Amino acid sequence: MVKITVRLLATLKSLAGSEYFTLNVESPITLKELLEKLSGIVGDKAKERLFKKGSIELQPDILVLVNDVEIGVLNGLDTILKEGDVVSFLPTVHGG
């Protein structure tokens, strides 16, 4: 089993009702596969804020970090997640 921690920051935390989720998966997965799993476990309000309607495509203002590194300098949605990784989601528009 591979344990991955998902961290929802700012408004996402209150919409989901929790800052952290732990996912146990059979083997390393891509970030895109994680998004599919995440869409099935977060509530409707958090899902609406994270994803474009009817898809697992992220809203354009969601910043995604893997172990505090923005996915744009990694392999984007093809980034492979492994044991102990922390994936953080941060809306860039979240109030002041």
PDB file of N, CA and C in Angstrom:
ATOM      1  N   MET A   1       0.830  -1.191   0.000  1.00  0.00           N
ATOM      2  CA  MET A   1       0.000   0.000   0.000  1.00  0.00           C
ATOM      3  C   MET A   1       0.874   1.254   0.000  1.00  0.00           C
ATOM      4  N   VAL A   2       0.408   2.259  -0.709  1.00  0.00           N
ATOM      5  CA  VAL A   2       1.089   3.547  -0.792  1.00  0.00           C
ATOM      6  C   VAL A   2       0.190   4.575  -0.111  1.00  0.00           C
ATOM      7  N   LYS A   3       0.742   5.283   0.855  1.00  0.00           N
ATOM      8  CA  LYS A   3      -0.019   6.295   1.598  1.00  0.00           C
ATOM      9  C   LYS A   3       0.345   7.685   1.081  1.00  0.00           C
ATOM     10  N   ILE A   4      -0.686   8.431   0.646  1.00  0.00           N
ATOM     11  CA  ILE A   4      -0.512   9.787   0.134  1.00  0.00           C
ATOM     12  C   ILE A   4      -1.404  10.714   0.946  1.00  0.00           C
ATOM     13  N   THR A   5      -0.868  11.843   1.365  1.00  0.00           N
ATOM     14  CA  THR A   5      -1.632  12.821   2.125  1.00  0.00           C
ATOM     15  C   THR A   5      -2.071  13.947   1.192  1.00  0.00           C
ATOM     16  N   VAL A   6      -3.343  14.284   1.268  1.00  0.00           N
ATOM     17  CA  VAL A   6      -3.900  15.401   0.505  1.00  0.00           C
ATOM     18  C   VAL A   6      -4.191  16.519   1.495  1.00  0.00           C
ATOM     19  N   ARG A   7      -3.723  17.706   1.164  1.00  0.00           N
ATOM     20  CA  ARG A   7      -3.930  18.871   2.026  1.00  0.00           C
ATOM     21  C   ARG A   7      -4.738  19.912   1.271  1.00  0.00           C
ATOM     22  N   LEU A   8      -5.863  20.310   1.840  1.00  0.00           N
ATOM     23  CA  LEU A   8      -6.721  21.331   1.249  1.00  0.00           C
ATOM     24  C   LEU A   8      -6.569  22.610   2.058  1.00  0.00           C
ATOM     25  N   LEU A   9      -6.153  23.677   1.413  1.00  0.00           N
ATOM     26  CA  LEU A   9      -5.840  24.924   2.107  1.00  0.00           C
ATOM     27  C   LEU A   9      -6.877  26.004   1.838  1.00  0.00           C
ATOM     28  N   ALA A  10      -6.835  27.035   2.671  1.00  0.00           N
ATOM     29  CA  ALA A  10      -7.702  28.221   2.552  1.00  0.00           C
ATOM     30  C   ALA A  10      -9.172  27.802   2.531  1.00  0.00           C
ATOM     31  N   THR A  11      -9.934  28.305   1.592  1.00  0.00           N
ATOM     32  CA  THR A  11     -11.377  28.039   1.560  1.00  0.00           C
ATOM     33  C   THR A  11     -11.691  26.567   1.307  1.00  0.00           C
ATOM     34  N   LEU A  12     -10.787  25.847   0.663  1.00  0.00           N
ATOM     35  CA  LEU A  12     -11.033  24.421   0.398  1.00  0.00           C
ATOM     36  C   LEU A  12     -11.168  23.631   1.690  1.00  0.00           C
ATOM     37  N   LYS A  13     -10.383  24.016   2.699  1.00  0.00           N
ATOM     38  CA  LYS A  13     -10.419  23.323   3.989  1.00  0.00           C
ATOM     39  C   LYS A  13     -11.806  23.402   4.613  1.00  0.00           C
ATOM     40  N   SER A  14     -12.374  24.585   4.633  1.00  0.00           N
ATOM     41  CA  SER A  14     -13.695  24.721   5.254  1.00  0.00           C
ATOM     42  C   SER A  14     -14.785  24.076   4.399  1.00  0.00           C
ATOM     43  N   LEU A  15     -14.652  24.120   3.085  1.00  0.00           N
ATOM     44  CA  LEU A  15     -15.647  23.490   2.216  1.00  0.00           C
ATOM     45  C   LEU A  15     -15.633  21.970   2.347  1.00  0.00           C
ATOM     46  N   ALA A  16     -14.456  21.398   2.532  1.00  0.00           N
ATOM     47  CA  ALA A  16     -14.334  19.945   2.638  1.00  0.00           C
ATOM     48  C   ALA A  16     -14.561  19.455   4.063  1.00  0.00           C
ATOM     49  N   GLY A  17     -14.448  20.359   5.038  1.00  0.00           N
ATOM     50  CA  GLY A  17     -14.638  19.965   6.427  1.00  0.00           C
ATOM     51  C   GLY A  17     -13.390  19.397   7.075  1.00  0.00           C
ATOM     52  N   SER A  18     -12.281  19.377   6.343  1.00  0.00           N
ATOM     53  CA  SER A  18     -11.027  18.863   6.879  1.00  0.00           C
ATOM     54  C   SER A  18      -9.876  19.394   6.042  1.00  0.00           C
ATOM     55  N   GLU A  19      -8.759  19.622   6.696  1.00  0.00           N
ATOM     56  CA  GLU A  19      -7.582  20.093   5.970  1.00  0.00           C
ATOM     57  C   GLU A  19      -6.826  18.933   5.328  1.00  0.00           C
ATOM     58  N   TYR A  20      -6.850  17.772   5.978  1.00  0.00           N
ATOM     59  CA  TYR A  20      -6.067  16.634   5.509  1.00  0.00           C
ATOM     60  C   TYR A  20      -6.937  15.428   5.190  1.00  0.00           C
ATOM     61  N   PHE A  21      -6.582  14.730   4.140  1.00  0.00           N
ATOM     62  CA  PHE A  21      -7.149  13.432   3.798  1.00  0.00           C
ATOM     63  C   PHE A  21      -5.970  12.502   3.559  1.00  0.00           C
ATOM     64  N   THR A  22      -6.083  11.273   3.978  1.00  0.00           N
ATOM     65  CA  THR A  22      -5.057  10.282   3.686  1.00  0.00           C
ATOM     66  C   THR A  22      -5.652   9.253   2.746  1.00  0.00           C
ATOM     67  N   LEU A  23      -4.963   9.017   1.644  1.00  0.00           N
ATOM     68  CA  LEU A  23      -5.409   8.020   0.680  1.00  0.00           C
ATOM     69  C   LEU A  23      -4.421   6.867   0.682  1.00  0.00           C
ATOM     70  N   ASN A  24      -4.939   5.673   0.766  1.00  0.00           N
ATOM     71  CA  ASN A  24      -4.125   4.473   0.642  1.00  0.00           C
ATOM     72  C   ASN A  24      -4.454   3.841  -0.699  1.00  0.00           C
ATOM     73  N   VAL A  25      -3.445   3.727  -1.547  1.00  0.00           N
ATOM     74  CA  VAL A  25      -3.638   3.167  -2.884  1.00  0.00           C
ATOM     75  C   VAL A  25      -2.717   1.960  -3.050  1.00  0.00           C
ATOM     76  N   GLU A  26      -3.038   1.133  -4.016  1.00  0.00           N
ATOM     77  CA  GLU A  26      -2.301  -0.116  -4.224  1.00  0.00           C
ATOM     78  C   GLU A  26      -0.853   0.100  -4.652  1.00  0.00           C
ATOM     79  N   SER A  27      -0.618   1.087  -5.498  1.00  0.00           N
ATOM     80  CA  SER A  27       0.730   1.324  -6.015  1.00  0.00           C
ATOM     81  C   SER A  27       0.866   2.814  -6.316  1.00  0.00           C
ATOM     82  N   PRO A  28       2.081   3.271  -6.633  1.00  0.00           N
ATOM     83  CA  PRO A  28       2.213   4.686  -6.991  1.00  0.00           C
ATOM     84  C   PRO A  28       1.220   5.054  -8.103  1.00  0.00           C
ATOM     85  N   ILE A  29       0.658   6.256  -8.002  1.00  0.00           N
ATOM     86  CA  ILE A  29      -0.323   6.727  -8.980  1.00  0.00           C
ATOM     87  C   ILE A  29       0.102   8.104  -9.487  1.00  0.00           C
ATOM     88  N   THR A  30      -0.513   8.520 -10.581  1.00  0.00           N
ATOM     89  CA  THR A  30      -0.238   9.858 -11.096  1.00  0.00           C
ATOM     90  C   THR A  30      -1.144  10.863 -10.375  1.00  0.00           C
ATOM     91  N   LEU A  31      -0.787  12.115 -10.497  1.00  0.00           N
ATOM     92  CA  LEU A  31      -1.607  13.172  -9.915  1.00  0.00           C
ATOM     93  C   LEU A  31      -3.004  13.158 -10.537  1.00  0.00           C
ATOM     94  N   LYS A  32      -3.090  12.878 -11.821  1.00  0.00           N
ATOM     95  CA  LYS A  32      -4.391  12.807 -12.487  1.00  0.00           C
ATOM     96  C   LYS A  32      -5.256  11.705 -11.861  1.00  0.00           C
ATOM     97  N   GLU A  33      -4.673  10.565 -11.569  1.00  0.00           N
ATOM     98  CA  GLU A  33      -5.410   9.471 -10.926  1.00  0.00           C
ATOM     99  C   GLU A  33      -5.839   9.876  -9.515  1.00  0.00           C
ATOM    100  N   LEU A  34      -5.002  10.643  -8.838  1.00  0.00           N
ATOM    101  CA  LEU A  34      -5.368  11.137  -7.513  1.00  0.00           C
ATOM    102  C   LEU A  34      -6.573  12.056  -7.606  1.00  0.00           C
ATOM    103  N   LEU A  35      -6.619  12.911  -8.619  1.00  0.00           N
ATOM    104  CA  LEU A  35      -7.762  13.810  -8.795  1.00  0.00           C
ATOM    105  C   LEU A  35      -9.056  13.024  -8.966  1.00  0.00           C
ATOM    106  N   GLU A  36      -8.998  11.930  -9.711  1.00  0.00           N
ATOM    107  CA  GLU A  36     -10.180  11.083  -9.890  1.00  0.00           C
ATOM    108  C   GLU A  36     -10.656  10.541  -8.544  1.00  0.00           C
ATOM    109  N   LYS A  37      -9.723  10.062  -7.738  1.00  0.00           N
ATOM    110  CA  LYS A  37     -10.078   9.533  -6.414  1.00  0.00           C
ATOM    111  C   LYS A  37     -10.606  10.646  -5.506  1.00  0.00           C
ATOM    112  N   LEU A  38      -9.954  11.794  -5.542  1.00  0.00           N
ATOM    113  CA  LEU A  38     -10.343  12.922  -4.699  1.00  0.00           C
ATOM    114  C   LEU A  38     -11.746  13.407  -5.038  1.00  0.00           C
ATOM    115  N   SER A  39     -12.097  13.397  -6.317  1.00  0.00           N
ATOM    116  CA  SER A  39     -13.425  13.864  -6.716  1.00  0.00           C
ATOM    117  C   SER A  39     -14.525  12.992  -6.127  1.00  0.00           C
ATOM    118  N   GLY A  40     -14.195  11.765  -5.779  1.00  0.00           N
ATOM    119  CA  GLY A  40     -15.178  10.861  -5.198  1.00  0.00           C
ATOM    120  C   GLY A  40     -15.286  10.938  -3.688  1.00  0.00           C
ATOM    121  N   ILE A  41     -14.343  11.625  -3.028  1.00  0.00           N
ATOM    122  CA  ILE A  41     -14.397  11.633  -1.562  1.00  0.00           C
ATOM    123  C   ILE A  41     -14.676  13.002  -0.944  1.00  0.00           C
ATOM    124  N   VAL A  42     -14.432  14.089  -1.677  1.00  0.00           N
ATOM    125  CA  VAL A  42     -14.740  15.402  -1.105  1.00  0.00           C
ATOM    126  C   VAL A  42     -16.223  15.709  -1.320  1.00  0.00           C
ATOM    127  N   GLY A  43     -16.772  16.524  -0.477  1.00  0.00           N
ATOM    128  CA  GLY A  43     -18.174  16.902  -0.596  1.00  0.00           C
ATOM    129  C   GLY A  43     -18.438  17.747  -1.833  1.00  0.00           C
ATOM    130  N   ASP A  44     -19.714  17.945  -2.114  1.00  0.00           N
ATOM    131  CA  ASP A  44     -20.120  18.665  -3.321  1.00  0.00           C
ATOM    132  C   ASP A  44     -19.575  20.087  -3.385  1.00  0.00           C
ATOM    133  N   LYS A  45     -19.568  20.806  -2.256  1.00  0.00           N
ATOM    134  CA  LYS A  45     -19.092  22.193  -2.270  1.00  0.00           C
ATOM    135  C   LYS A  45     -17.600  22.263  -2.569  1.00  0.00           C
ATOM    136  N   ALA A  46     -16.819  21.382  -1.951  1.00  0.00           N
ATOM    137  CA  ALA A  46     -15.383  21.354  -2.213  1.00  0.00           C
ATOM    138  C   ALA A  46     -15.116  20.904  -3.641  1.00  0.00           C
ATOM    139  N   LYS A  47     -15.882  19.938  -4.107  1.00  0.00           N
ATOM    140  CA  LYS A  47     -15.735  19.439  -5.475  1.00  0.00           C
ATOM    141  C   LYS A  47     -16.021  20.554  -6.488  1.00  0.00           C
ATOM    142  N   GLU A  48     -17.065  21.335  -6.230  1.00  0.00           N
ATOM    143  CA  GLU A  48     -17.420  22.452  -7.105  1.00  0.00           C
ATOM    144  C   GLU A  48     -16.318  23.501  -7.153  1.00  0.00           C
ATOM    145  N   ARG A  49     -15.664  23.734  -6.018  1.00  0.00           N
ATOM    146  CA  ARG A  49     -14.596  24.740  -5.942  1.00  0.00           C
ATOM    147  C   ARG A  49     -13.307  24.235  -6.591  1.00  0.00           C
ATOM    148  N   LEU A  50     -13.045  22.930  -6.480  1.00  0.00           N
ATOM    149  CA  LEU A  50     -11.826  22.344  -7.030  1.00  0.00           C
ATOM    150  C   LEU A  50     -11.888  22.106  -8.537  1.00  0.00           C
ATOM    151  N   PHE A  51     -13.025  21.556  -8.996  1.00  0.00           N
ATOM    152  CA  PHE A  51     -13.104  21.050 -10.365  1.00  0.00           C
ATOM    153  C   PHE A  51     -14.072  21.848 -11.225  1.00  0.00           C
ATOM    154  N   LYS A  52     -13.779  21.868 -12.522  1.00  0.00           N
ATOM    155  CA  LYS A  52     -14.722  22.438 -13.477  1.00  0.00           C
ATOM    156  C   LYS A  52     -15.937  21.527 -13.532  1.00  0.00           C
ATOM    157  N   LYS A  53     -17.086  22.085 -13.778  1.00  0.00           N
ATOM    158  CA  LYS A  53     -18.345  21.347 -13.744  1.00  0.00           C
ATOM    159  C   LYS A  53     -18.300  20.093 -14.639  1.00  0.00           C
ATOM    160  N   GLY A  54     -18.634  18.958 -14.020  1.00  0.00           N
ATOM    161  CA  GLY A  54     -18.745  17.708 -14.752  1.00  0.00           C
ATOM    162  C   GLY A  54     -17.438  17.063 -15.173  1.00  0.00           C
ATOM    163  N   SER A  55     -16.315  17.488 -14.581  1.00  0.00           N
ATOM    164  CA  SER A  55     -15.030  16.905 -14.984  1.00  0.00           C
ATOM    165  C   SER A  55     -14.096  16.821 -13.777  1.00  0.00           C
ATOM    166  N   ILE A  56     -12.915  16.262 -14.020  1.00  0.00           N
ATOM    167  CA  ILE A  56     -11.881  16.293 -12.981  1.00  0.00           C
ATOM    168  C   ILE A  56     -10.803  17.313 -13.339  1.00  0.00           C
ATOM    169  N   GLU A  57     -11.116  18.197 -14.284  1.00  0.00           N
ATOM    170  CA  GLU A  57     -10.194  19.271 -14.625  1.00  0.00           C
ATOM    171  C   GLU A  57     -10.279  20.335 -13.540  1.00  0.00           C
ATOM    172  N   LEU A  58      -9.119  20.709 -13.008  1.00  0.00           N
ATOM    173  CA  LEU A  58      -9.089  21.684 -11.919  1.00  0.00           C
ATOM    174  C   LEU A  58      -9.528  23.061 -12.388  1.00  0.00           C
ATOM    175  N   GLN A  59     -10.131  23.803 -11.477  1.00  0.00           N
ATOM    176  CA  GLN A  59     -10.439  25.209 -11.739  1.00  0.00           C
ATOM    177  C   GLN A  59      -9.111  25.920 -12.035  1.00  0.00           C
ATOM    178  N   PRO A  60      -9.123  26.953 -12.871  1.00  0.00           N
ATOM    179  CA  PRO A  60      -7.868  27.594 -13.288  1.00  0.00           C
ATOM    180  C   PRO A  60      -7.096  28.292 -12.166  1.00  0.00           C
ATOM    181  N   ASP A  61      -7.751  28.588 -11.058  1.00  0.00           N
ATOM    182  CA  ASP A  61      -7.047  29.299  -9.980  1.00  0.00           C
ATOM    183  C   ASP A  61      -6.555  28.377  -8.864  1.00  0.00           C
ATOM    184  N   ILE A  62      -6.529  27.071  -9.102  1.00  0.00           N
ATOM    185  CA  ILE A  62      -6.061  26.130  -8.081  1.00  0.00           C
ATOM    186  C   ILE A  62      -4.584  25.831  -8.307  1.00  0.00           C
ATOM    187  N   LEU A  63      -3.782  26.138  -7.309  1.00  0.00           N
ATOM    188  CA  LEU A  63      -2.352  25.852  -7.327  1.00  0.00           C
ATOM    189  C   LEU A  63      -2.153  24.480  -6.686  1.00  0.00           C
ATOM    190  N   VAL A  64      -1.373  23.619  -7.343  1.00  0.00           N
ATOM    191  CA  VAL A  64      -1.139  22.268  -6.827  1.00  0.00           C
ATOM    192  C   VAL A  64       0.346  22.096  -6.541  1.00  0.00           C
ATOM    193  N   LEU A  65       0.629  21.632  -5.339  1.00  0.00           N
ATOM    194  CA  LEU A  65       2.008  21.414  -4.907  1.00  0.00           C
ATOM    195  C   LEU A  65       2.177  19.955  -4.502  1.00  0.00           C
ATOM    196  N   VAL A  66       3.294  19.364  -4.867  1.00  0.00           N
ATOM    197  CA  VAL A  66       3.649  18.032  -4.390  1.00  0.00           C
ATOM    198  C   VAL A  66       4.905  18.212  -3.552  1.00  0.00           C
ATOM    199  N   ASN A  67       4.787  17.924  -2.275  1.00  0.00           N
ATOM    200  CA  ASN A  67       5.895  18.130  -1.339  1.00  0.00           C
ATOM    201  C   ASN A  67       6.437  19.559  -1.440  1.00  0.00           C
ATOM    202  N   ASP A  68       5.501  20.513  -1.493  1.00  0.00           N
ATOM    203  CA  ASP A  68       5.794  21.946  -1.538  1.00  0.00           C
ATOM    204  C   ASP A  68       6.460  22.418  -2.833  1.00  0.00           C
ATOM    205  N   VAL A  69       6.375  21.630  -3.898  1.00  0.00           N
ATOM    206  CA  VAL A  69       6.907  22.012  -5.209  1.00  0.00           C
ATOM    207  C   VAL A  69       5.732  22.092  -6.179  1.00  0.00           C
ATOM    208  N   GLU A  70       5.604  23.221  -6.881  1.00  0.00           N
ATOM    209  CA  GLU A  70       4.505  23.418  -7.817  1.00  0.00           C
ATOM    210  C   GLU A  70       4.627  22.413  -8.962  1.00  0.00           C
ATOM    211  N   ILE A  71       3.493  21.812  -9.366  1.00  0.00           N
ATOM    212  CA  ILE A  71       3.539  20.722 -10.341  1.00  0.00           C
ATOM    213  C   ILE A  71       4.015  21.162 -11.730  1.00  0.00           C
ATOM    214  N   GLY A  72       3.995  22.451 -12.006  1.00  0.00           N
ATOM    215  CA  GLY A  72       4.489  22.951 -13.292  1.00  0.00           C
ATOM    216  C   GLY A  72       5.974  22.682 -13.493  1.00  0.00           C
ATOM    217  N   VAL A  73       6.742  22.580 -12.423  1.00  0.00           N
ATOM    218  CA  VAL A  73       8.169  22.274 -12.541  1.00  0.00           C
ATOM    219  C   VAL A  73       8.440  20.784 -12.367  1.00  0.00           C
ATOM    220  N   LEU A  74       7.376  20.030 -12.130  1.00  0.00           N
ATOM    221  CA  LEU A  74       7.480  18.571 -12.085  1.00  0.00           C
ATOM    222  C   LEU A  74       6.956  18.048 -13.423  1.00  0.00           C
ATOM    223  N   ASN A  75       6.094  17.085 -13.397  1.00  0.00           N
ATOM    224  CA  ASN A  75       5.519  16.545 -14.631  1.00  0.00           C
ATOM    225  C   ASN A  75       4.038  16.830 -14.744  1.00  0.00           C
ATOM    226  N   GLY A  76       3.588  17.942 -14.163  1.00  0.00           N
ATOM    227  CA  GLY A  76       2.179  18.304 -14.240  1.00  0.00           C
ATOM    228  C   GLY A  76       1.293  17.199 -13.704  1.00  0.00           C
ATOM    229  N   LEU A  77       0.196  16.926 -14.388  1.00  0.00           N
ATOM    230  CA  LEU A  77      -0.746  15.895 -13.938  1.00  0.00           C
ATOM    231  C   LEU A  77      -0.187  14.486 -14.103  1.00  0.00           C
ATOM    232  N   ASP A  78       0.922  14.356 -14.811  1.00  0.00           N
ATOM    233  CA  ASP A  78       1.572  13.055 -14.963  1.00  0.00           C
ATOM    234  C   ASP A  78       2.597  12.789 -13.865  1.00  0.00           C
ATOM    235  N   THR A  79       2.726  13.704 -12.911  1.00  0.00           N
ATOM    236  CA  THR A  79       3.640  13.510 -11.788  1.00  0.00           C
ATOM    237  C   THR A  79       3.247  12.240 -11.043  1.00  0.00           C
ATOM    238  N   ILE A  80       4.218  11.376 -10.813  1.00  0.00           N
ATOM    239  CA  ILE A  80       3.951  10.124 -10.100  1.00  0.00           C
ATOM    240  C   ILE A  80       4.084  10.379  -8.602  1.00  0.00           C
ATOM    241  N   LEU A  81       3.042   9.975  -7.891  1.00  0.00           N
ATOM    242  CA  LEU A  81       3.004  10.142  -6.436  1.00  0.00           C
ATOM    243  C   LEU A  81       3.417   8.836  -5.776  1.00  0.00           C
ATOM    244  N   LYS A  82       4.255   8.964  -4.760  1.00  0.00           N
ATOM    245  CA  LYS A  82       4.744   7.774  -4.086  1.00  0.00           C
ATOM    246  C   LYS A  82       4.542   7.875  -2.582  1.00  0.00           C
ATOM    247  N   GLU A  83       4.900   6.837  -1.892  1.00  0.00           N
ATOM    248  CA  GLU A  83       4.713   6.723  -0.449  1.00  0.00           C
ATOM    249  C   GLU A  83       5.187   7.986   0.267  1.00  0.00           C
ATOM    250  N   GLY A  84       4.296   8.536   1.108  1.00  0.00           N
ATOM    251  CA  GLY A  84       4.649   9.676   1.939  1.00  0.00           C
ATOM    252  C   GLY A  84       4.495  11.037   1.291  1.00  0.00           C
ATOM    253  N   ASP A  85       4.169  11.089   0.008  1.00  0.00           N
ATOM    254  CA  ASP A  85       4.004  12.386  -0.658  1.00  0.00           C
ATOM    255  C   ASP A  85       2.829  13.157  -0.064  1.00  0.00           C
ATOM    256  N   VAL A  86       2.971  14.479  -0.039  1.00  0.00           N
ATOM    257  CA  VAL A  86       1.908  15.376   0.400  1.00  0.00           C
ATOM    258  C   VAL A  86       1.531  16.242  -0.794  1.00  0.00           C
ATOM    259  N   VAL A  87       0.259  16.168  -1.185  1.00  0.00           N
ATOM    260  CA  VAL A  87      -0.246  16.954  -2.306  1.00  0.00           C
ATOM    261  C   VAL A  87      -1.142  18.043  -1.735  1.00  0.00           C
ATOM    262  N   SER A  88      -0.783  19.294  -1.976  1.00  0.00           N
ATOM    263  CA  SER A  88      -1.519  20.435  -1.442  1.00  0.00           C
ATOM    264  C   SER A  88      -2.260  21.155  -2.558  1.00  0.00           C
ATOM    265  N   PHE A  89      -3.500  21.566  -2.260  1.00  0.00           N
ATOM    266  CA  PHE A  89      -4.316  22.317  -3.192  1.00  0.00           C
ATOM    267  C   PHE A  89      -4.614  23.673  -2.550  1.00  0.00           C
ATOM    268  N   LEU A  90      -4.298  24.748  -3.275  1.00  0.00           N
ATOM    269  CA  LEU A  90      -4.466  26.090  -2.762  1.00  0.00           C
ATOM    270  C   LEU A  90      -5.125  26.959  -3.811  1.00  0.00           C
ATOM    271  N   PRO A  91      -6.325  27.480  -3.519  1.00  0.00           N
ATOM    272  CA  PRO A  91      -6.918  28.440  -4.454  1.00  0.00           C
ATOM    273  C   PRO A  91      -6.140  29.742  -4.384  1.00  0.00           C
ATOM    274  N   THR A  92      -5.752  30.271  -5.528  1.00  0.00           N
ATOM    275  CA  THR A  92      -4.978  31.515  -5.520  1.00  0.00           C
ATOM    276  C   THR A  92      -5.856  32.716  -5.194  1.00  0.00           C
ATOM    277  N   VAL A  93      -7.152  32.578  -5.365  1.00  0.00           N
ATOM    278  CA  VAL A  93      -8.099  33.614  -4.979  1.00  0.00           C
ATOM    279  C   VAL A  93      -8.829  33.091  -3.746  1.00  0.00           C
ATOM    280  N   HIS A  94      -8.410  33.566  -2.565  1.00  0.00           N
ATOM    281  CA  HIS A  94      -9.011  33.030  -1.345  1.00  0.00           C
ATOM    282  C   HIS A  94      -9.289  34.081  -0.290  1.00  0.00           C
ATOM    283  N   GLY A  95      -9.315  35.298  -0.653  1.00  0.00           N
ATOM    284  CA  GLY A  95      -9.651  36.351   0.317  1.00  0.00           C
ATOM    285  C   GLY A  95      -8.425  36.865   1.039  1.00  0.00           C
ATOM    286  N   GLY A  96      -8.641  37.842   1.879  1.00  0.00           N
ATOM    287  CA  GLY A  96      -7.493  38.453   2.531  1.00  0.00           C
ATOM    288  C   GLY A  96      -7.621  38.498   4.014  1.00  0.00           C
TER     289      GLY A  96
END
